[in-house]
C-alpha atoms as a PDB file:
ATOM      1  CA  UNK A   1       0.000   0.000   0.000  1.00  0.00           C
ATOM      2  CA  UNK A   2       1.343   3.379  -1.013  1.00  0.00           C
ATOM      3  CA  UNK A   3       1.231   6.668   0.849  1.00  0.00           C
ATOM      4  CA  UNK A   4      -2.015   8.567   0.080  1.00  0.00           C
ATOM      5  CA  UNK A   5       0.031  11.750  -0.243  1.00  0.00           C
ATOM      6  CA  UNK A   6       1.922  10.106  -3.123  1.00  0.00           C
ATOM      7  CA  UNK A   7      -0.904   8.107  -4.712  1.00  0.00           C
ATOM      8  CA  UNK A   8      -4.431   9.580  -4.678  1.00  0.00           C
ATOM      9  CA  UNK A   9      -5.929   6.150  -5.360  1.00  0.00           C
ATOM     10  CA  UNK A  10      -4.917   5.206  -1.794  1.00  0.00           C
ATOM     11  CA  UNK A  11      -6.978   7.956  -0.136  1.00  0.00           C
ATOM     12  CA  UNK A  12      -9.713   6.545   2.085  1.00  0.00           C
ATOM     13  CA  UNK A  13     -12.860   7.983   3.569  1.00  0.00           C
ATOM     14  CA  UNK A  14     -11.025   8.285   6.899  1.00  0.00           C
ATOM     15  CA  UNK A  15      -8.438  10.507   5.206  1.00  0.00           C
ATOM     16  CA  UNK A  16     -11.233  12.622   3.714  1.00  0.00           C
ATOM     17  CA  UNK A  17     -12.959  12.990   7.072  1.00  0.00           C
ATOM     18  CA  UNK A  18      -9.686  13.928   8.772  1.00  0.00           C
ATOM     19  CA  UNK A  19      -9.114  16.575   6.111  1.00  0.00           C
ATOM     20  CA  UNK A  20     -12.653  17.842   6.635  1.00  0.00           C
ATOM     21  CA  UNK A  21     -12.133  18.049  10.401  1.00  0.00           C
ATOM     22  CA  UNK A  22      -8.942  20.003   9.870  1.00  0.00           C
ATOM     23  CA  UNK A  23     -10.660  22.382   7.430  1.00  0.00           C
ATOM     24  CA  UNK A  24     -13.543  23.125   9.803  1.00  0.00           C
ATOM     25  CA  UNK A  25     -10.941  24.852  11.959  1.00  0.00           C
ATOM     26  CA  UNK A  26     -10.320  27.266   9.051  1.00  0.00           C
ATOM     27  CA  UNK A  27     -10.897  30.969   9.661  1.00  0.00           C
ATOM     28  CA  UNK A  28     -14.032  30.940   7.530  1.00  0.00           C
ATOM     29  CA  UNK A  29     -16.785  28.381   6.983  1.00  0.00           C
ATOM     30  CA  UNK A  30     -16.932  29.361   3.314  1.00  0.00           C
ATOM     31  CA  UNK A  31     -13.193  28.584   3.027  1.00  0.00           C
ATOM     32  CA  UNK A  32     -13.823  25.110   4.435  1.00  0.00           C
ATOM     33  CA  UNK A  33     -16.686  24.623   1.970  1.00  0.00           C
ATOM     34  CA  UNK A  34     -14.542  25.693  -0.990  1.00  0.00           C
ATOM     35  CA  UNK A  35     -11.678  23.439   0.129  1.00  0.00           C
ATOM     36  CA  UNK A  36     -14.158  20.553   0.352  1.00  0.00           C
ATOM     37  CA  UNK A  37     -15.412  21.007  -3.209  1.00  0.00           C
ATOM     38  CA  UNK A  38     -11.998  20.641  -4.871  1.00  0.00           C
ATOM     39  CA  UNK A  39     -11.198  17.110  -3.624  1.00  0.00           C
ATOM     40  CA  UNK A  40     -14.818  16.076  -4.218  1.00  0.00           C
ATOM     41  CA  UNK A  41     -14.531  17.056  -7.885  1.00  0.00           C
ATOM     42  CA  UNK A  42     -11.057  15.552  -8.187  1.00  0.00           C
ATOM     43  CA  UNK A  43     -12.084  12.143  -6.836  1.00  0.00           C
ATOM     44  CA  UNK A  44     -15.269  12.149  -8.936  1.00  0.00           C
ATOM     45  CA  UNK A  45     -13.074  12.767 -12.011  1.00  0.00           C
ATOM     46  CA  UNK A  46     -10.630  10.049 -10.904  1.00  0.00           C
ATOM     47  CA  UNK A  47     -13.535   7.610 -10.546  1.00  0.00           C
ATOM     48  CA  UNK A  48     -15.765   8.489 -13.518  1.00  0.00           C
ATOM     49  CA  UNK A  49     -13.426   9.792 -16.202  1.00  0.00           C
ATOM     50  CA  UNK A  50     -10.126   8.109 -15.422  1.00  0.00           C
ATOM     51  CA  UNK A  51     -11.585   4.915 -13.872  1.00  0.00           C
ATOM     52  CA  UNK A  52      -8.652   4.741 -11.447  1.00  0.00           C
ATOM     53  CA  UNK A  53     -10.825   4.099  -8.379  1.00  0.00           C
ATOM     54  CA  UNK A  54     -14.118   2.264  -7.860  1.00  0.00           C
ATOM     55  CA  UNK A  55     -15.478   4.584  -5.168  1.00  0.00           C
ATOM     56  CA  UNK A  56     -14.762   8.157  -4.240  1.00  0.00           C
ATOM     57  CA  UNK A  57     -13.443   8.578  -0.685  1.00  0.00           C
ATOM     58  CA  UNK A  58     -15.508  11.793  -0.595  1.00  0.00           C
ATOM     59  CA  UNK A  59     -18.710   9.947  -1.529  1.00  0.00           C
ATOM     60  CA  UNK A  60     -20.506  10.141   1.818  1.00  0.00           C
ATOM     61  CA  UNK A  61     -18.492  12.905   3.452  1.00  0.00           C
ATOM     62  CA  UNK A  62     -20.897  15.762   4.017  1.00  0.00           C
ATOM     63  CA  UNK A  63     -19.868  19.226   3.014  1.00  0.00           C
ATOM     64  CA  UNK A  64     -19.416  21.718   5.853  1.00  0.00           C
ATOM     65  CA  UNK A  65     -22.292  24.043   6.530  1.00  0.00           C
ATOM     66  CA  UNK A  66     -21.806  27.756   6.203  1.00  0.00           C
ATOM     67  CA  UNK A  67     -23.440  30.098   8.661  1.00  0.00           C
ATOM     68  CA  UNK A  68     -25.974  32.463   7.212  1.00  0.00           C
ATOM     69  CA  UNK A  69     -24.787  35.967   7.944  1.00  0.00           C
ATOM     70  CA  UNK A  70     -27.315  38.706   8.506  1.00  0.00           C
ATOM     71  CA  UNK A  71     -26.678  41.855   6.526  1.00  0.00           C
ATOM     72  CA  UNK A  72     -26.861  44.942   8.731  1.00  0.00           C
ATOM     73  CA  UNK A  73     -29.805  47.199   7.982  1.00  0.00           C
ATOM     74  CA  UNK A  74     -29.245  50.927   7.463  1.00  0.00           C
ATOM     75  CA  UNK A  75     -31.137  52.940  10.048  1.00  0.00           C
ATOM     76  CA  UNK A  76     -33.744  55.494   8.883  1.00  0.00           C
ATOM     77  CA  UNK A  77     -31.651  58.361  10.262  1.00  0.00           C
ATOM     78  CA  UNK A  78     -28.669  57.287   8.151  1.00  0.00           C
ATOM     79  CA  UNK A  79     -30.844  56.916   5.049  1.00  0.00           C
ATOM     80  CA  UNK A  80     -32.381  60.367   5.522  1.00  0.00           C
ATOM     81  CA  UNK A  81     -28.947  61.886   6.077  1.00  0.00           C
ATOM     82  CA  UNK A  82     -27.699  60.363   2.809  1.00  0.00           C
ATOM     83  CA  UNK A  83     -30.767  61.532   0.878  1.00  0.00           C
ATOM     84  CA  UNK A  84     -30.375  65.081   2.225  1.00  0.00           C
ATOM     85  CA  UNK A  85     -26.703  65.159   1.245  1.00  0.00           C
ATOM     86  CA  UNK A  86     -27.504  63.891  -2.256  1.00  0.00           C
ATOM     87  CA  UNK A  87     -30.208  66.525  -2.767  1.00  0.00           C
ATOM     88  CA  UNK A  88     -27.626  69.295  -2.218  1.00  0.00           C
ATOM     89  CA  UNK A  89     -25.297  68.012  -4.948  1.00  0.00           C
ATOM     90  CA  UNK A  90     -25.280  70.018  -8.179  1.00  0.00           C
ATOM     91  CA  UNK A  91     -23.260  69.230 -11.260  1.00  0.00           C
ATOM     92  CA  UNK A  92     -21.924  72.125 -13.306  1.00  0.00           C
ATOM     93  CA  UNK A  93     -22.972  75.768 -12.969  1.00  0.00           C
ATOM     94  CA  UNK A  94     -26.671  74.890 -12.749  1.00  0.00           C
ATOM     95  CA  UNK A  95     -28.692  71.778 -12.272  1.00  0.00           C
ATOM     96  CA  UNK A  96     -28.778  69.563 -15.350  1.00  0.00           C
ATOM     97  CA  UNK A  97     -32.046  68.887 -17.103  1.00  0.00           C
ATOM     98  CA  UNK A  98     -32.857  65.962 -19.365  1.00  0.00           C
ATOM     99  CA  UNK A  99     -32.254  66.364 -23.104  1.00  0.00           C
ATOM    100  CA  UNK A 100     -35.538  66.378 -24.993  1.00  0.00           C
ATOM    101  CA  UNK A 101     -36.159  64.377 -28.131  1.00  0.00           C
ATOM    102  CA  UNK A 102     -34.741  66.161 -31.188  1.00  0.00           C
ATOM    103  CA  UNK A 103     -32.600  68.440 -29.019  1.00  0.00           C
ATOM    104  CA  UNK A 104     -28.794  68.303 -29.043  1.00  0.00           C
ATOM    105  CA  UNK A 105     -26.860  67.826 -25.856  1.00  0.00           C
ATOM    106  CA  UNK A 106     -24.830  70.885 -24.803  1.00  0.00           C
ATOM    107  CA  UNK A 107     -21.707  68.739 -24.815  1.00  0.00           C
ATOM    108  CA  UNK A 108     -22.226  68.044 -28.556  1.00  0.00           C
ATOM    109  CA  UNK A 109     -21.482  71.677 -29.426  1.00  0.00           C
ATOM    110  CA  UNK A 110     -17.843  71.348 -28.360  1.00  0.00           C
ATOM    111  CA  UNK A 111     -15.568  71.540 -31.427  1.00  0.00           C
ATOM    112  CA  UNK A 112     -13.869  68.302 -32.324  1.00  0.00           C
END
């Protein structure tokens, strides 16, 4: 029997679960999930496309769950403050108005 680090066909479910346990200690649950997906795809490829193994060692290893993070809500006071600041913004010497159909934009009169 070869070393699983040298021959991926020697990797067992126990190796996969140990890797998973190590990855759960990662700084982020999403990192652990992403690190789980790579070996899962690799062993599926090794089994289905290359026919090097009969079963994937990742077959029944569950993927780590990621915590659902709540997005902070902007308070009404903050929203009103932002709206008030935006209403005071003016572009150019006077407030811009929409260009009407058939009318040329003022910027089009600049010589090329």
